[in-house]
Amino acid sequence: MRNQILEDLKLAMKAQDKTKLAVIRMVKSAMQMEELNKKRELTDEEVIDVISKQIKTRKDSISEFEKGGRDDLIEATAKEIDILTTYLPKQLSDEEVLEIIENAFSEVKPVSTKDMGKIMKVVTPLVKGRADMGKVSSIIKEKLN
């Protein structure tokens, strides 16, 4: 995964694709920062976590831009999200996510909202990086209520 990002960085430089180049450089610097913190090279799963955090940050930015009526920034940020999404594993469909959650419910057999953590513990490894965790969490909360 790391090598793919570095290779894409070179290709973006050659193609003079400024948007893609800027996004990949941001990901690369975020990866390097994480590697400095961990004092080792990141695994593919950790690289996916870094990219997911970058996407989440941009989604939060979009919601702020919408409040401010900044359509120009919304478009640019959406393009960045599209570029980042290409590095994530194939995303699960809503049906697949619901099926995973249903299986977790049958396995854990929750009785109240206090069991949210137990369900998330089962669901998270199966959907991490392949589904929006905020959406997954809200579906689980809804089912618990």
Protein backbone atom coordinates (compact mmCIF):
# COMPACT_ATOMS: atom_id res chain seq x y z
CA MET A 1 0.00 0.00 0.00
CA ARG A 2 2.80 2.37 0.99
CA ASN A 3 4.69 1.62 -2.21
CA GLN A 4 1.54 2.19 -4.26
CA ILE A 5 1.12 5.67 -2.74
CA LEU A 6 4.76 6.55 -3.42
CA GLU A 7 4.44 5.29 -7.00
CA ASP A 8 1.27 7.34 -7.51
CA LEU A 9 3.12 10.37 -6.15
CA LYS A 10 5.72 10.00 -8.92
CA LEU A 11 3.02 9.54 -11.56
CA ALA A 12 1.13 12.62 -10.35
CA MET A 13 4.35 14.64 -10.56
CA LYS A 14 4.99 13.48 -14.13
CA ALA A 15 1.38 14.15 -15.14
CA GLN A 16 1.46 17.53 -13.34
CA ASP A 17 -1.85 16.70 -11.65
CA LYS A 18 -1.70 19.35 -8.93
CA THR A 19 -4.77 18.21 -6.99
CA LYS A 20 -3.75 14.56 -6.84
CA LEU A 21 -0.18 15.53 -6.06
CA ALA A 22 -1.24 17.72 -3.13
CA VAL A 23 -3.51 15.01 -1.70
CA ILE A 24 -0.89 12.28 -2.01
CA ARG A 25 1.73 14.53 -0.40
CA MET A 26 -0.63 15.13 2.54
CA VAL A 27 -1.18 11.38 2.93
CA LYS A 28 2.54 10.74 2.68
CA SER A 29 3.31 13.30 5.39
CA ALA A 30 0.55 11.88 7.62
CA MET A 31 2.06 8.42 7.12
CA GLN A 32 5.54 9.68 7.96
CA MET A 33 4.23 11.37 11.09
CA GLU A 34 2.57 8.13 12.19
CA GLU A 35 5.77 6.19 11.45
CA LEU A 36 7.75 8.63 13.59
CA ASN A 37 5.29 8.13 16.44
CA LYS A 38 5.44 4.33 16.16
CA LYS A 39 9.17 4.25 15.33
CA ARG A 40 8.61 1.71 12.55
CA GLU A 41 7.16 1.39 9.06
CA LEU A 42 3.37 1.20 8.95
CA THR A 43 1.51 -1.94 7.96
CA ASP A 44 -1.09 -1.79 5.17
CA GLU A 45 -3.86 -1.77 7.77
CA GLU A 46 -2.28 1.20 9.54
CA VAL A 47 -1.91 3.04 6.22
CA ILE A 48 -5.63 2.46 5.61
CA ASP A 49 -6.32 3.92 9.07
CA VAL A 50 -4.30 7.02 8.18
CA ILE A 51 -6.21 7.43 4.91
CA SER A 52 -9.54 6.90 6.68
CA LYS A 53 -8.65 9.66 9.15
CA GLN A 54 -7.80 11.95 6.24
CA ILE A 55 -11.20 11.23 4.65
CA LYS A 56 -13.02 11.81 7.94
CA THR A 57 -11.26 15.16 8.38
CA ARG A 58 -12.31 16.23 4.91
CA LYS A 59 -15.92 15.14 5.47
CA ASP A 60 -15.98 17.23 8.63
CA SER A 61 -14.58 20.15 6.63
CA ILE A 62 -17.30 19.77 4.01
CA SER A 63 -20.01 20.04 6.67
CA GLU A 64 -18.38 23.25 7.93
CA PHE A 65 -18.08 24.62 4.39
CA GLU A 66 -21.78 23.91 3.84
CA LYS A 67 -22.62 25.99 6.92
CA GLY A 68 -20.53 28.82 5.51
CA GLY A 69 -21.92 28.48 1.99
CA ARG A 70 -18.49 27.84 0.45
CA ASP A 71 -19.40 25.76 -2.61
CA ASP A 72 -15.94 26.23 -4.13
CA LEU A 73 -14.27 24.60 -1.13
CA ILE A 74 -16.89 21.84 -1.00
CA GLU A 75 -16.07 20.83 -4.60
CA ALA A 76 -12.32 20.85 -4.03
CA THR A 77 -12.62 18.83 -0.82
CA ALA A 78 -14.97 16.32 -2.49
CA LYS A 79 -12.34 15.76 -5.20
CA GLU A 80 -9.76 15.11 -2.49
CA ILE A 81 -12.07 12.54 -0.88
CA ASP A 82 -12.50 10.82 -4.26
CA ILE A 83 -8.73 10.57 -4.66
CA LEU A 84 -8.27 9.20 -1.12
CA THR A 85 -11.09 6.68 -1.56
CA THR A 86 -9.16 4.95 -4.35
CA TYR A 87 -6.66 3.73 -1.72
CA LEU A 88 -9.26 2.14 0.52
CA PRO A 89 -10.37 -1.48 0.13
CA LYS A 90 -13.64 -2.08 -1.72
CA GLN A 91 -16.39 -0.50 0.37
CA LEU A 92 -19.16 -2.71 1.75
CA SER A 93 -22.70 -2.13 0.56
CA ASP A 94 -25.39 -1.11 3.05
CA GLU A 95 -26.83 -4.63 2.84
CA GLU A 96 -23.47 -6.22 3.66
CA VAL A 97 -23.01 -3.89 6.63
CA LEU A 98 -26.50 -4.69 7.92
CA GLU A 99 -25.81 -8.41 7.56
CA ILE A 100 -22.59 -8.11 9.59
CA ILE A 101 -24.44 -6.14 12.27
CA GLU A 102 -27.27 -8.71 12.36
CA ASN A 103 -24.73 -11.52 12.81
CA ALA A 104 -23.06 -9.58 15.64
CA PHE A 105 -26.43 -9.09 17.34
CA SER A 106 -27.19 -12.81 17.14
CA GLU A 107 -23.72 -13.62 18.50
CA VAL A 108 -23.67 -11.06 21.36
CA LYS A 109 -27.42 -11.03 22.17
CA PRO A 110 -27.46 -7.48 23.61
CA VAL A 111 -30.05 -6.54 26.22
CA SER A 112 -29.50 -2.78 26.47
CA THR A 113 -27.50 0.14 25.06
CA LYS A 114 -24.78 -0.77 27.56
CA ASP A 115 -23.85 -3.64 25.22
CA MET A 116 -22.87 -1.21 22.43
CA GLY A 117 -19.17 -1.78 23.14
CA LYS A 118 -19.52 -5.56 22.91
CA ILE A 119 -21.22 -5.29 19.53
CA MET A 120 -18.69 -2.76 18.21
CA LYS A 121 -15.90 -5.11 19.32
CA VAL A 122 -17.35 -7.82 17.06
CA VAL A 123 -18.30 -5.56 14.12
CA THR A 124 -15.26 -3.25 13.93
CA PRO A 125 -12.67 -5.77 12.69
CA LEU A 126 -15.07 -6.88 9.96
CA VAL A 127 -15.91 -3.44 8.59
CA LYS A 128 -12.93 -1.23 9.51
CA GLY A 129 -11.70 0.67 6.46
CA ARG A 130 -14.50 -0.81 4.35
CA ALA A 131 -17.45 1.16 5.79
CA ASP A 132 -18.11 4.51 7.44
CA MET A 133 -17.76 3.74 11.15
CA GLY A 134 -20.03 6.65 12.09
CA LYS A 135 -22.79 5.15 9.98
CA VAL A 136 -22.16 1.68 11.43
CA SER A 137 -22.30 3.08 14.96
CA SER A 138 -25.58 4.90 14.32
CA ILE A 139 -27.18 1.74 12.84
CA ILE A 140 -26.16 -0.22 15.93
CA LYS A 141 -27.50 2.48 18.28
CA GLU A 142 -30.78 2.50 16.35
CA LYS A 143 -31.11 -1.28 16.63
CA LEU A 144 -30.35 -1.18 20.37
CA ASN A 145 -33.15 1.32 20.96
